[in-house]
Amino acid sequence: MRLYWELAVRGFQRAAAYRTAAISGAITNTFFGVLRAYVFIALYQSRPVAGGYTLEDALTFTFLTQGMAALIEMWSWWRIAESVQTGQIATDLSRPFDYEFYWLAQDYGRALFQFFFRCVPPFIVGMILFGANLPPTLALWLAFIPSLVLAVTVSFAWRFCLNLTAFWLLDYRGVAGISNLIAILLSGFTVPIAMFPDSVRAFVYLLPFASMIAIPIDIFLGKLTGAELAAALALQAFWAVAALAFGRLVLASALRKLVVQGG
């Protein structure tokens, strides 16, 4: 465990080395959060509630998603794919770590840095400018923390599998473009899943993408309580375990294609 803790620290330090990028990213996330907020304000002028979300809920959702974009990082993490193309993966596989946990531990460290420097600032600015609905009970605050950890885990497993496609494809950018579209649409990043049509809402909520963004935000907003809250956390835990397990299967298949010359 100590080795993986050190890897997490290493992930935090690597992310912290790019402070200027983090500051610029936080400013960018805040700017687009303001733009999205005014879109919701215009929408709610014609109806006071949409999908069970009030305007205050929608504004809180906006700045939570803008902050979580860096935390989850579903759309721009291709370090494993790059290591496959450069051959660095041969060195990584020789290290005395479980390969999947090697990257997961570093991702936890990265996510912790992003939480403080890319998630919190946009939310605070949004709360000052537009107000925010905070979790009404201590139980929801406490549930929100493991929900975020599980969201990062599911997101990592998704990214891990996508990166491994570099073993079969010469260029991963096509996969990146398609996966970005799927994740943005089905995770509830653009609009809350609660606003989806009734015919697809329940199905989309059960997909792993909702565990990355929609469930943590619904917990924060107090939309999930009691048995529903427990079920949502259980769903996240299920997808975290299932996605990591599937990643191992993909890795095992990929390694059968790997040939390392020299010694």
C-alpha atoms as a PDB file:
ATOM      1  CA  MET A   1       0.000   0.000   0.000  1.00  0.00           C
ATOM      2  CA  ARG A   2       2.852   2.369   0.753  1.00  0.00           C
ATOM      3  CA  LEU A   3       4.092   2.036  -2.809  1.00  0.00           C
ATOM      4  CA  TYR A   4       0.710   3.039  -4.226  1.00  0.00           C
ATOM      5  CA  TRP A   5       0.469   5.906  -1.757  1.00  0.00           C
ATOM      6  CA  GLU A   6       3.801   7.170  -3.077  1.00  0.00           C
ATOM      7  CA  LEU A   7       2.465   6.860  -6.603  1.00  0.00           C
ATOM      8  CA  ALA A   8      -0.575   8.944  -5.621  1.00  0.00           C
ATOM      9  CA  VAL A   9       1.760  11.583  -4.179  1.00  0.00           C
ATOM     10  CA  ARG A  10       3.704  11.481  -7.412  1.00  0.00           C
ATOM     11  CA  GLY A  11       0.507  12.040  -9.387  1.00  0.00           C
ATOM     12  CA  PHE A  12      -0.339  15.034  -7.196  1.00  0.00           C
ATOM     13  CA  GLN A  13       3.148  16.490  -7.622  1.00  0.00           C
ATOM     14  CA  ARG A  14       3.087  16.026 -11.378  1.00  0.00           C
ATOM     15  CA  ALA A  15      -0.209  17.898 -11.622  1.00  0.00           C
ATOM     16  CA  ALA A  16       1.053  20.584  -9.231  1.00  0.00           C
ATOM     17  CA  ALA A  17       4.048  21.205 -11.481  1.00  0.00           C
ATOM     18  CA  TYR A  18       1.709  22.897 -13.967  1.00  0.00           C
ATOM     19  CA  ARG A  19       0.240  25.567 -11.697  1.00  0.00           C
ATOM     20  CA  THR A  20      -0.093  28.147 -14.459  1.00  0.00           C
ATOM     21  CA  ALA A  21      -2.080  25.679 -16.538  1.00  0.00           C
ATOM     22  CA  ALA A  22      -4.287  24.938 -13.533  1.00  0.00           C
ATOM     23  CA  ILE A  23      -4.959  28.634 -12.954  1.00  0.00           C
ATOM     24  CA  SER A  24      -5.706  29.189 -16.639  1.00  0.00           C
ATOM     25  CA  GLY A  25      -7.979  26.154 -16.656  1.00  0.00           C
ATOM     26  CA  ALA A  26      -9.870  27.362 -13.598  1.00  0.00           C
ATOM     27  CA  ILE A  27     -10.410  30.760 -15.234  1.00  0.00           C
ATOM     28  CA  THR A  28     -11.581  29.099 -18.457  1.00  0.00           C
ATOM     29  CA  ASN A  29     -13.946  26.775 -16.603  1.00  0.00           C
ATOM     30  CA  THR A  30     -15.379  29.724 -14.700  1.00  0.00           C
ATOM     31  CA  PHE A  31     -15.861  31.766 -17.875  1.00  0.00           C
ATOM     32  CA  PHE A  32     -17.757  28.997 -19.645  1.00  0.00           C
ATOM     33  CA  GLY A  33     -19.678  28.351 -16.446  1.00  0.00           C
ATOM     34  CA  VAL A  34     -20.955  31.944 -16.549  1.00  0.00           C
ATOM     35  CA  LEU A  35     -21.986  31.534 -20.191  1.00  0.00           C
ATOM     36  CA  ARG A  36     -23.816  28.287 -19.428  1.00  0.00           C
ATOM     37  CA  ALA A  37     -25.456  29.873 -16.399  1.00  0.00           C
ATOM     38  CA  TYR A  38     -27.054  32.569 -18.531  1.00  0.00           C
ATOM     39  CA  VAL A  39     -28.313  29.932 -20.955  1.00  0.00           C
ATOM     40  CA  PHE A  40     -30.117  28.241 -18.055  1.00  0.00           C
ATOM     41  CA  ILE A  41     -31.423  31.591 -16.824  1.00  0.00           C
ATOM     42  CA  ALA A  42     -32.923  32.217 -20.278  1.00  0.00           C
ATOM     43  CA  LEU A  43     -34.405  28.707 -20.316  1.00  0.00           C
ATOM     44  CA  TYR A  44     -36.044  29.079 -16.916  1.00  0.00           C
ATOM     45  CA  GLN A  45     -37.727  32.334 -17.851  1.00  0.00           C
ATOM     46  CA  SER A  46     -40.316  30.251 -19.696  1.00  0.00           C
ATOM     47  CA  ARG A  47     -40.709  27.524 -17.048  1.00  0.00           C
ATOM     48  CA  PRO A  48     -39.901  27.575 -13.310  1.00  0.00           C
ATOM     49  CA  VAL A  49     -38.922  23.895 -13.042  1.00  0.00           C
ATOM     50  CA  ALA A  50     -37.387  21.465 -15.563  1.00  0.00           C
ATOM     51  CA  GLY A  51     -36.847  17.800 -14.769  1.00  0.00           C
ATOM     52  CA  GLY A  52     -37.272  18.480 -11.083  1.00  0.00           C
ATOM     53  CA  TYR A  53     -34.487  21.072 -11.184  1.00  0.00           C
ATOM     54  CA  THR A  54     -35.185  24.630 -10.099  1.00  0.00           C
ATOM     55  CA  LEU A  55     -33.147  27.501 -11.517  1.00  0.00           C
ATOM     56  CA  GLU A  56     -30.961  27.438  -8.399  1.00  0.00           C
ATOM     57  CA  ASP A  57     -30.374  23.723  -8.925  1.00  0.00           C
ATOM     58  CA  ALA A  58     -29.459  24.293 -12.564  1.00  0.00           C
ATOM     59  CA  LEU A  59     -27.000  27.063 -11.709  1.00  0.00           C
ATOM     60  CA  THR A  60     -25.382  24.909  -9.028  1.00  0.00           C
ATOM     61  CA  PHE A  61     -25.237  22.045 -11.536  1.00  0.00           C
ATOM     62  CA  THR A  62     -23.507  24.326 -14.042  1.00  0.00           C
ATOM     63  CA  PHE A  63     -20.580  25.237 -11.830  1.00  0.00           C
ATOM     64  CA  LEU A  64     -20.289  21.755 -10.361  1.00  0.00           C
ATOM     65  CA  THR A  65     -19.910  20.286 -13.850  1.00  0.00           C
ATOM     66  CA  GLN A  66     -17.434  22.983 -14.868  1.00  0.00           C
ATOM     67  CA  GLY A  67     -15.333  22.075 -11.858  1.00  0.00           C
ATOM     68  CA  MET A  68     -15.709  18.324 -12.296  1.00  0.00           C
ATOM     69  CA  ALA A  69     -14.539  18.469 -15.906  1.00  0.00           C
ATOM     70  CA  ALA A  70     -10.925  18.599 -14.703  1.00  0.00           C
ATOM     71  CA  LEU A  71     -11.525  16.229 -11.795  1.00  0.00           C
ATOM     72  CA  ILE A  72     -12.965  13.477 -13.981  1.00  0.00           C
ATOM     73  CA  GLU A  73     -10.853  14.340 -17.043  1.00  0.00           C
ATOM     74  CA  MET A  74     -12.787  12.058 -19.336  1.00  0.00           C
ATOM     75  CA  TRP A  75     -11.727  13.890 -22.469  1.00  0.00           C
ATOM     76  CA  SER A  76      -8.005  14.641 -22.480  1.00  0.00           C
ATOM     77  CA  TRP A  77      -6.074  11.860 -20.725  1.00  0.00           C
ATOM     78  CA  TRP A  78      -4.095   9.774 -23.216  1.00  0.00           C
ATOM     79  CA  ARG A  79      -0.827   9.109 -21.413  1.00  0.00           C
ATOM     80  CA  ILE A  80      -1.062   5.316 -21.712  1.00  0.00           C
ATOM     81  CA  ALA A  81      -1.828   5.496 -25.437  1.00  0.00           C
ATOM     82  CA  GLU A  82       1.161   7.788 -25.897  1.00  0.00           C
ATOM     83  CA  SER A  83       3.370   5.368 -23.950  1.00  0.00           C
ATOM     84  CA  VAL A  84       2.274   2.579 -26.293  1.00  0.00           C
ATOM     85  CA  GLN A  85       3.231   4.626 -29.328  1.00  0.00           C
ATOM     86  CA  THR A  86       6.621   5.641 -27.903  1.00  0.00           C
ATOM     87  CA  GLY A  87       7.444   2.226 -26.452  1.00  0.00           C
ATOM     88  CA  GLN A  88       7.625   3.594 -22.899  1.00  0.00           C
ATOM     89  CA  ILE A  89       5.016   1.015 -21.905  1.00  0.00           C
ATOM     90  CA  ALA A  90       7.727  -1.690 -21.915  1.00  0.00           C
ATOM     91  CA  THR A  91       9.455   0.141 -19.064  1.00  0.00           C
ATOM     92  CA  ASP A  92       6.191   0.759 -17.230  1.00  0.00           C
ATOM     93  CA  LEU A  93       5.277  -2.924 -17.375  1.00  0.00           C
ATOM     94  CA  SER A  94       8.633  -3.882 -15.893  1.00  0.00           C
ATOM     95  CA  ARG A  95       8.030  -1.844 -12.756  1.00  0.00           C
ATOM     96  CA  PRO A  96       7.152  -3.765  -9.546  1.00  0.00           C
ATOM     97  CA  PHE A  97       3.520  -2.635  -9.554  1.00  0.00           C
ATOM     98  CA  ASP A  98       0.207  -3.871 -10.793  1.00  0.00           C
ATOM     99  CA  TYR A  99      -0.044  -1.953 -14.080  1.00  0.00           C
ATOM    100  CA  GLU A 100      -3.669  -0.891 -13.716  1.00  0.00           C
ATOM    101  CA  PHE A 101      -3.295   0.138 -10.065  1.00  0.00           C
ATOM    102  CA  TYR A 102      -0.039   1.880 -10.980  1.00  0.00           C
ATOM    103  CA  TRP A 103      -1.999   4.307 -13.118  1.00  0.00           C
ATOM    104  CA  LEU A 104      -5.045   4.418 -10.845  1.00  0.00           C
ATOM    105  CA  ALA A 105      -2.984   5.525  -7.834  1.00  0.00           C
ATOM    106  CA  GLN A 106      -1.424   8.333  -9.873  1.00  0.00           C
ATOM    107  CA  ASP A 107      -4.837   9.352 -11.119  1.00  0.00           C
ATOM    108  CA  TYR A 108      -6.118   9.692  -7.565  1.00  0.00           C
ATOM    109  CA  GLY A 109      -3.245  12.064  -6.836  1.00  0.00           C
ATOM    110  CA  ARG A 110      -3.964  14.043  -9.996  1.00  0.00           C
ATOM    111  CA  ALA A 111      -7.654  14.245  -9.113  1.00  0.00           C
ATOM    112  CA  LEU A 112      -6.915  15.521  -5.604  1.00  0.00           C
ATOM    113  CA  PHE A 113      -4.887  18.396  -7.009  1.00  0.00           C
ATOM    114  CA  GLN A 114      -7.538  19.188  -9.593  1.00  0.00           C
ATOM    115  CA  PHE A 115     -10.222  19.181  -6.907  1.00  0.00           C
ATOM    116  CA  PHE A 116      -8.591  22.009  -4.978  1.00  0.00           C
ATOM    117  CA  PHE A 117      -7.283  24.043  -7.903  1.00  0.00           C
ATOM    118  CA  ARG A 118      -9.766  23.420 -10.724  1.00  0.00           C
ATOM    119  CA  CYS A 119     -13.023  22.360  -9.031  1.00  0.00           C
ATOM    120  CA  VAL A 120     -13.361  24.552  -5.977  1.00  0.00           C
ATOM    121  CA  PRO A 121     -12.505  27.971  -7.536  1.00  0.00           C
ATOM    122  CA  PRO A 122     -15.167  27.915 -10.304  1.00  0.00           C
ATOM    123  CA  PHE A 123     -17.787  26.745  -7.824  1.00  0.00           C
ATOM    124  CA  ILE A 124     -16.952  29.523  -5.360  1.00  0.00           C
ATOM    125  CA  VAL A 125     -17.123  32.154  -8.106  1.00  0.00           C
ATOM    126  CA  GLY A 126     -20.422  30.730  -9.319  1.00  0.00           C
ATOM    127  CA  MET A 127     -21.792  30.724  -5.779  1.00  0.00           C
ATOM    128  CA  ILE A 128     -20.818  34.378  -5.320  1.00  0.00           C
ATOM    129  CA  LEU A 129     -22.267  35.481  -8.676  1.00  0.00           C
ATOM    130  CA  PHE A 130     -25.395  33.326  -8.875  1.00  0.00           C
ATOM    131  CA  GLY A 131     -25.845  31.588  -5.537  1.00  0.00           C
ATOM    132  CA  ALA A 132     -25.820  27.827  -4.984  1.00  0.00           C
ATOM    133  CA  ASN A 133     -27.862  25.073  -3.402  1.00  0.00           C
ATOM    134  CA  LEU A 134     -25.620  23.293  -0.913  1.00  0.00           C
ATOM    135  CA  PRO A 135     -26.280  19.826   0.544  1.00  0.00           C
ATOM    136  CA  PRO A 136     -28.937  20.350   3.241  1.00  0.00           C
ATOM    137  CA  THR A 137     -27.628  17.677   5.628  1.00  0.00           C
ATOM    138  CA  LEU A 138     -24.296  16.445   6.948  1.00  0.00           C
ATOM    139  CA  ALA A 139     -25.124  12.960   5.653  1.00  0.00           C
ATOM    140  CA  LEU A 140     -25.221  14.267   2.083  1.00  0.00           C
ATOM    141  CA  TRP A 141     -21.900  16.052   2.541  1.00  0.00           C
ATOM    142  CA  LEU A 142     -20.394  12.808   3.797  1.00  0.00           C
ATOM    143  CA  ALA A 143     -21.951  10.798   0.961  1.00  0.00           C
ATOM    144  CA  PHE A 144     -20.671  13.282  -1.620  1.00  0.00           C
ATOM    145  CA  ILE A 145     -17.025  12.520  -0.794  1.00  0.00           C
ATOM    146  CA  PRO A 146     -17.037   8.757  -1.553  1.00  0.00           C
ATOM    147  CA  SER A 147     -19.251   9.481  -4.543  1.00  0.00           C
ATOM    148  CA  LEU A 148     -16.523  11.707  -5.986  1.00  0.00           C
ATOM    149  CA  VAL A 149     -13.900   9.021  -5.339  1.00  0.00           C
ATOM    150  CA  LEU A 150     -16.043   6.440  -7.115  1.00  0.00           C
ATOM    151  CA  ALA A 151     -16.672   8.891  -9.966  1.00  0.00           C
ATOM    152  CA  VAL A 152     -12.925   9.288 -10.478  1.00  0.00           C
ATOM    153  CA  THR A 153     -12.497   5.497 -10.353  1.00  0.00           C
ATOM    154  CA  VAL A 154     -15.166   4.841 -12.993  1.00  0.00           C
ATOM    155  CA  SER A 155     -13.777   7.618 -15.157  1.00  0.00           C
ATOM    156  CA  PHE A 156     -10.262   6.219 -14.856  1.00  0.00           C
ATOM    157  CA  ALA A 157     -11.423   2.730 -15.851  1.00  0.00           C
ATOM    158  CA  TRP A 158     -13.170   4.206 -18.910  1.00  0.00           C
ATOM    159  CA  ARG A 159     -10.048   6.137 -19.886  1.00  0.00           C
ATOM    160  CA  PHE A 160      -7.828   3.122 -19.192  1.00  0.00           C
ATOM    161  CA  CYS A 161      -9.765   0.959 -21.647  1.00  0.00           C
ATOM    162  CA  LEU A 162      -9.842   3.691 -24.280  1.00  0.00           C
ATOM    163  CA  ASN A 163      -6.078   4.207 -23.997  1.00  0.00           C
ATOM    164  CA  LEU A 164      -5.452   0.510 -24.514  1.00  0.00           C
ATOM    165  CA  THR A 165      -7.046   0.698 -27.973  1.00  0.00           C
ATOM    166  CA  ALA A 166      -3.669   2.091 -29.055  1.00  0.00           C
ATOM    167  CA  PHE A 167      -2.481  -1.523 -29.142  1.00  0.00           C
ATOM    168  CA  TRP A 168      -4.797  -2.151 -32.095  1.00  0.00           C
ATOM    169  CA  LEU A 169      -5.084   1.295 -33.716  1.00  0.00           C
ATOM    170  CA  LEU A 170      -2.344   3.394 -35.264  1.00  0.00           C
ATOM    171  CA  ASP A 171      -4.026   6.634 -34.207  1.00  0.00           C
ATOM    172  CA  TYR A 172      -6.207   6.957 -31.105  1.00  0.00           C
ATOM    173  CA  ARG A 173      -7.629  10.365 -32.060  1.00  0.00           C
ATOM    174  CA  GLY A 174     -10.670   8.839 -33.749  1.00  0.00           C
ATOM    175  CA  VAL A 175     -11.482   6.935 -30.556  1.00  0.00           C
ATOM    176  CA  ALA A 176     -10.903  10.138 -28.594  1.00  0.00           C
ATOM    177  CA  GLY A 177     -13.418  12.100 -30.644  1.00  0.00           C
ATOM    178  CA  ILE A 178     -16.157   9.474 -30.472  1.00  0.00           C
ATOM    179  CA  SER A 179     -15.612   8.769 -26.773  1.00  0.00           C
ATOM    180  CA  ASN A 180     -15.708  12.485 -25.954  1.00  0.00           C
ATOM    181  CA  LEU A 181     -19.104  12.826 -27.607  1.00  0.00           C
ATOM    182  CA  ILE A 182     -20.489   9.775 -25.795  1.00  0.00           C
ATOM    183  CA  ALA A 183     -19.182  10.867 -22.400  1.00  0.00           C
ATOM    184  CA  ILE A 184     -20.389  14.452 -22.672  1.00  0.00           C
ATOM    185  CA  LEU A 185     -23.856  13.373 -23.757  1.00  0.00           C
ATOM    186  CA  LEU A 186     -24.502  10.408 -21.460  1.00  0.00           C
ATOM    187  CA  SER A 187     -22.753  11.530 -18.265  1.00  0.00           C
ATOM    188  CA  GLY A 188     -25.163  14.418 -17.731  1.00  0.00           C
ATOM    189  CA  PHE A 189     -22.431  17.003 -18.251  1.00  0.00           C
ATOM    190  CA  THR A 190     -24.227  19.235 -20.738  1.00  0.00           C
ATOM    191  CA  VAL A 191     -27.690  19.029 -19.175  1.00  0.00           C
ATOM    192  CA  PRO A 192     -28.877  17.027 -16.154  1.00  0.00           C
ATOM    193  CA  ILE A 193     -30.031  13.511 -16.957  1.00  0.00           C
ATOM    194  CA  ALA A 194     -33.204  14.436 -15.052  1.00  0.00           C
ATOM    195  CA  MET A 195     -34.055  16.660 -18.037  1.00  0.00           C
ATOM    196  CA  PHE A 196     -33.751  13.798 -20.539  1.00  0.00           C
ATOM    197  CA  PRO A 197     -36.961  12.398 -22.104  1.00  0.00           C
ATOM    198  CA  ASP A 198     -38.821   9.956 -19.871  1.00  0.00           C
ATOM    199  CA  SER A 199     -38.293   7.143 -22.387  1.00  0.00           C
ATOM    200  CA  VAL A 200     -34.499   7.141 -21.995  1.00  0.00           C
ATOM    201  CA  ARG A 201     -33.822   8.765 -18.618  1.00  0.00           C
ATOM    202  CA  ALA A 202     -33.871   5.628 -16.450  1.00  0.00           C
ATOM    203  CA  PHE A 203     -31.722   3.683 -18.918  1.00  0.00           C
ATOM    204  CA  VAL A 204     -29.094   6.428 -19.222  1.00  0.00           C
ATOM    205  CA  TYR A 205     -28.931   6.790 -15.451  1.00  0.00           C
ATOM    206  CA  LEU A 206     -27.937   3.111 -15.152  1.00  0.00           C
ATOM    207  CA  LEU A 207     -25.009   3.468 -17.555  1.00  0.00           C
ATOM    208  CA  PRO A 208     -21.494   3.944 -16.148  1.00  0.00           C
ATOM    209  CA  PHE A 209     -21.297   7.507 -17.483  1.00  0.00           C
ATOM    210  CA  ALA A 210     -23.912   8.731 -15.007  1.00  0.00           C
ATOM    211  CA  SER A 211     -21.675   7.472 -12.193  1.00  0.00           C
ATOM    212  CA  MET A 212     -19.002   9.910 -13.329  1.00  0.00           C
ATOM    213  CA  ILE A 213     -21.010  13.133 -13.061  1.00  0.00           C
ATOM    214  CA  ALA A 214     -24.778  12.829 -12.678  1.00  0.00           C
ATOM    215  CA  ILE A 215     -24.858  10.817  -9.452  1.00  0.00           C
ATOM    216  CA  PRO A 216     -22.353  12.958  -7.486  1.00  0.00           C
ATOM    217  CA  ILE A 217     -24.199  16.105  -8.504  1.00  0.00           C
ATOM    218  CA  ASP A 218     -27.627  14.705  -7.609  1.00  0.00           C
ATOM    219  CA  ILE A 219     -26.228  13.748  -4.206  1.00  0.00           C
ATOM    220  CA  PHE A 220     -24.861  17.265  -3.730  1.00  0.00           C
ATOM    221  CA  LEU A 221     -28.199  18.797  -4.688  1.00  0.00           C
ATOM    222  CA  GLY A 222     -30.105  16.532  -2.300  1.00  0.00           C
ATOM    223  CA  LYS A 223     -32.014  14.793  -5.094  1.00  0.00           C
ATOM    224  CA  LEU A 224     -31.019  11.410  -3.667  1.00  0.00           C
ATOM    225  CA  THR A 225     -31.763  10.506  -0.061  1.00  0.00           C
ATOM    226  CA  GLY A 226     -32.362   7.382   1.992  1.00  0.00           C
ATOM    227  CA  ALA A 227     -32.678   4.198  -0.042  1.00  0.00           C
ATOM    228  CA  GLU A 228     -32.177   6.060  -3.327  1.00  0.00           C
ATOM    229  CA  LEU A 229     -28.881   7.465  -2.046  1.00  0.00           C
ATOM    230  CA  ALA A 230     -27.679   4.031  -0.959  1.00  0.00           C
ATOM    231  CA  ALA A 231     -28.704   2.554  -4.318  1.00  0.00           C
ATOM    232  CA  ALA A 232     -26.876   5.298  -6.219  1.00  0.00           C
ATOM    233  CA  LEU A 233     -23.649   4.739  -4.278  1.00  0.00           C
ATOM    234  CA  ALA A 234     -24.006   0.983  -4.786  1.00  0.00           C
ATOM    235  CA  LEU A 235     -24.426   1.565  -8.532  1.00  0.00           C
ATOM    236  CA  GLN A 236     -21.256   3.646  -8.600  1.00  0.00           C
ATOM    237  CA  ALA A 237     -19.372   0.973  -6.657  1.00  0.00           C
ATOM    238  CA  PHE A 238     -20.629  -1.687  -9.061  1.00  0.00           C
ATOM    239  CA  TRP A 239     -19.436   0.212 -12.114  1.00  0.00           C
ATOM    240  CA  ALA A 240     -16.098   0.985 -10.458  1.00  0.00           C
ATOM    241  CA  VAL A 241     -15.422  -2.715  -9.839  1.00  0.00           C
ATOM    242  CA  ALA A 242     -16.890  -3.890 -13.142  1.00  0.00           C
ATOM    243  CA  ALA A 243     -15.046  -1.307 -15.230  1.00  0.00           C
ATOM    244  CA  LEU A 244     -11.705  -2.005 -13.525  1.00  0.00           C
ATOM    245  CA  ALA A 245     -12.248  -5.740 -14.053  1.00  0.00           C
ATOM    246  CA  PHE A 246     -13.063  -5.169 -17.726  1.00  0.00           C
ATOM    247  CA  GLY A 247      -9.924  -3.054 -18.007  1.00  0.00           C
ATOM    248  CA  ARG A 248      -7.886  -6.031 -16.822  1.00  0.00           C
ATOM    249  CA  LEU A 249      -9.418  -8.186 -19.526  1.00  0.00           C
ATOM    250  CA  VAL A 250      -8.613  -5.599 -22.180  1.00  0.00           C
ATOM    251  CA  LEU A 251      -5.058  -5.274 -20.826  1.00  0.00           C
ATOM    252  CA  ALA A 252      -4.547  -9.049 -20.911  1.00  0.00           C
ATOM    253  CA  SER A 253      -5.711  -9.122 -24.520  1.00  0.00           C
ATOM    254  CA  ALA A 254      -3.505  -6.150 -25.412  1.00  0.00           C
ATOM    255  CA  LEU A 255      -0.402  -7.674 -23.860  1.00  0.00           C
ATOM    256  CA  ARG A 256      -0.756 -10.691 -26.107  1.00  0.00           C
ATOM    257  CA  LYS A 257      -0.018  -8.310 -28.980  1.00  0.00           C
ATOM    258  CA  LEU A 258       2.985  -6.656 -27.280  1.00  0.00           C
ATOM    259  CA  VAL A 259       6.448  -7.586 -28.492  1.00  0.00           C
ATOM    260  CA  VAL A 260       9.471  -6.145 -26.686  1.00  0.00           C
ATOM    261  CA  GLN A 261      12.835  -6.532 -28.403  1.00  0.00           C
ATOM    262  CA  GLY A 262      16.110  -6.362 -26.573  1.00  0.00           C
ATOM    263  CA  GLY A 263      16.808  -6.960 -22.905  1.00  0.00           C
END
